[in-house]
Amino acid sequence: MSYEIPLLAMRVAASTLLLIAMWNIFTFHITPRFCAPFAFLFNVSGIIFLVLGFKYEINEMVKGGGMILFVSYLFTVSFLIDNFSKKKE
């Protein structure tokens, strides 16, 4: 089975969107709107890669799935903090 290309594509997308989101948060002090849908996408794909990596004992897939899940949770936490601060004001 060949999972290298989808894993690489998701890792590049997650890294790029994380950098864009971090720049946007530090510059404009708001979480971008694309964080919520991509958090869901990265969460689902990260869990799939993580489970397949554990099943077939592929360490690179486990590391990639973990990184994608980490980005997903960062997007979720950032989005929730931003919504909480909006409601507080």
Protein backbone atom coordinates (compact mmCIF):
# COMPACT_ATOMS: atom_id res chain seq x y z
CA MET A 1 0.00 0.00 0.00
CA SER A 2 1.25 3.44 -0.87
CA TYR A 3 0.36 6.10 1.68
CA GLU A 4 3.46 8.27 1.26
CA ILE A 5 1.97 10.76 -1.19
CA PRO A 6 -1.29 11.47 0.70
CA LEU A 7 0.65 11.67 3.98
CA LEU A 8 3.16 14.08 2.48
CA ALA A 9 0.39 16.21 0.96
CA MET A 10 -1.46 16.44 4.29
CA ARG A 11 1.74 17.23 6.20
CA VAL A 12 2.65 20.01 3.77
CA ALA A 13 -0.90 21.41 3.88
CA ALA A 14 -0.97 21.26 7.68
CA SER A 15 2.42 22.94 8.05
CA THR A 16 1.59 25.66 5.53
CA LEU A 17 -1.80 26.44 7.03
CA LEU A 18 -0.31 26.44 10.53
CA LEU A 19 2.27 29.03 9.48
CA ILE A 20 -0.39 31.16 7.77
CA ALA A 21 -2.66 30.93 10.81
CA MET A 22 0.19 31.81 13.21
CA TRP A 23 1.13 34.83 11.10
CA ASN A 24 -2.51 35.93 10.95
CA ILE A 25 -3.00 35.49 14.70
CA PHE A 26 0.15 37.41 15.61
CA THR A 27 -0.54 40.18 13.08
CA PHE A 28 -4.30 40.72 13.35
CA HIS A 29 -5.02 39.08 16.74
CA ILE A 30 -7.85 36.98 15.32
CA THR A 31 -8.09 33.36 14.32
CA PRO A 32 -8.67 32.90 10.58
CA ARG A 33 -12.02 31.48 9.54
CA PHE A 34 -10.40 28.56 7.72
CA CYS A 35 -9.19 27.06 11.00
CA ALA A 36 -12.49 25.40 11.94
CA PRO A 37 -13.08 23.37 8.76
CA PHE A 38 -9.42 22.46 8.39
CA ALA A 39 -9.28 21.38 12.04
CA PHE A 40 -11.99 18.83 11.27
CA LEU A 41 -10.26 17.69 8.07
CA PHE A 42 -6.87 17.36 9.76
CA ASN A 43 -8.41 15.58 12.74
CA VAL A 44 -10.04 12.90 10.59
CA SER A 45 -7.03 12.41 8.33
CA GLY A 46 -4.59 12.44 11.26
CA ILE A 47 -6.53 9.72 13.04
CA ILE A 48 -6.64 7.63 9.86
CA PHE A 49 -2.88 7.95 9.29
CA LEU A 50 -2.16 7.26 12.95
CA VAL A 51 -4.29 4.11 13.03
CA LEU A 52 -2.87 2.82 9.74
CA GLY A 53 0.65 3.53 10.97
CA PHE A 54 0.07 1.52 14.11
CA LYS A 55 -1.63 -1.29 12.17
CA TYR A 56 1.13 -1.71 9.58
CA GLU A 57 3.93 -0.64 11.98
CA ILE A 58 5.12 2.27 9.84
CA ASN A 59 6.84 4.78 12.09
CA GLU A 60 6.83 7.59 9.52
CA MET A 61 3.07 7.32 9.18
CA VAL A 62 2.62 7.42 12.97
CA LYS A 63 4.80 10.54 13.20
CA GLY A 64 2.96 12.21 10.30
CA GLY A 65 -0.46 11.37 11.71
CA GLY A 66 0.58 12.70 15.11
CA MET A 67 1.81 15.96 13.57
CA ILE A 68 -1.43 16.38 11.63
CA LEU A 69 -3.45 15.73 14.81
CA PHE A 70 -1.33 18.26 16.69
CA VAL A 71 -2.07 20.94 14.08
CA SER A 72 -5.75 20.02 14.24
CA TYR A 73 -5.86 20.47 18.00
CA LEU A 74 -3.94 23.75 17.78
CA PHE A 75 -6.51 25.07 15.29
CA THR A 76 -9.36 23.93 17.53
CA VAL A 77 -7.91 25.50 20.68
CA SER A 78 -7.11 28.75 18.87
CA PHE A 79 -10.61 28.92 17.43
CA LEU A 80 -12.21 28.22 20.82
CA ILE A 81 -10.07 30.83 22.60
CA ASP A 82 -10.94 33.40 19.96
CA ASN A 83 -14.67 32.66 20.27
CA PHE A 84 -14.48 32.77 24.07
CA SER A 85 -12.77 36.17 24.02
CA LYS A 86 -15.39 37.51 21.57
CA LYS A 87 -18.24 36.41 23.84
CA LYS A 88 -16.50 37.86 26.88
CA GLU A 89 -16.36 41.33 25.30
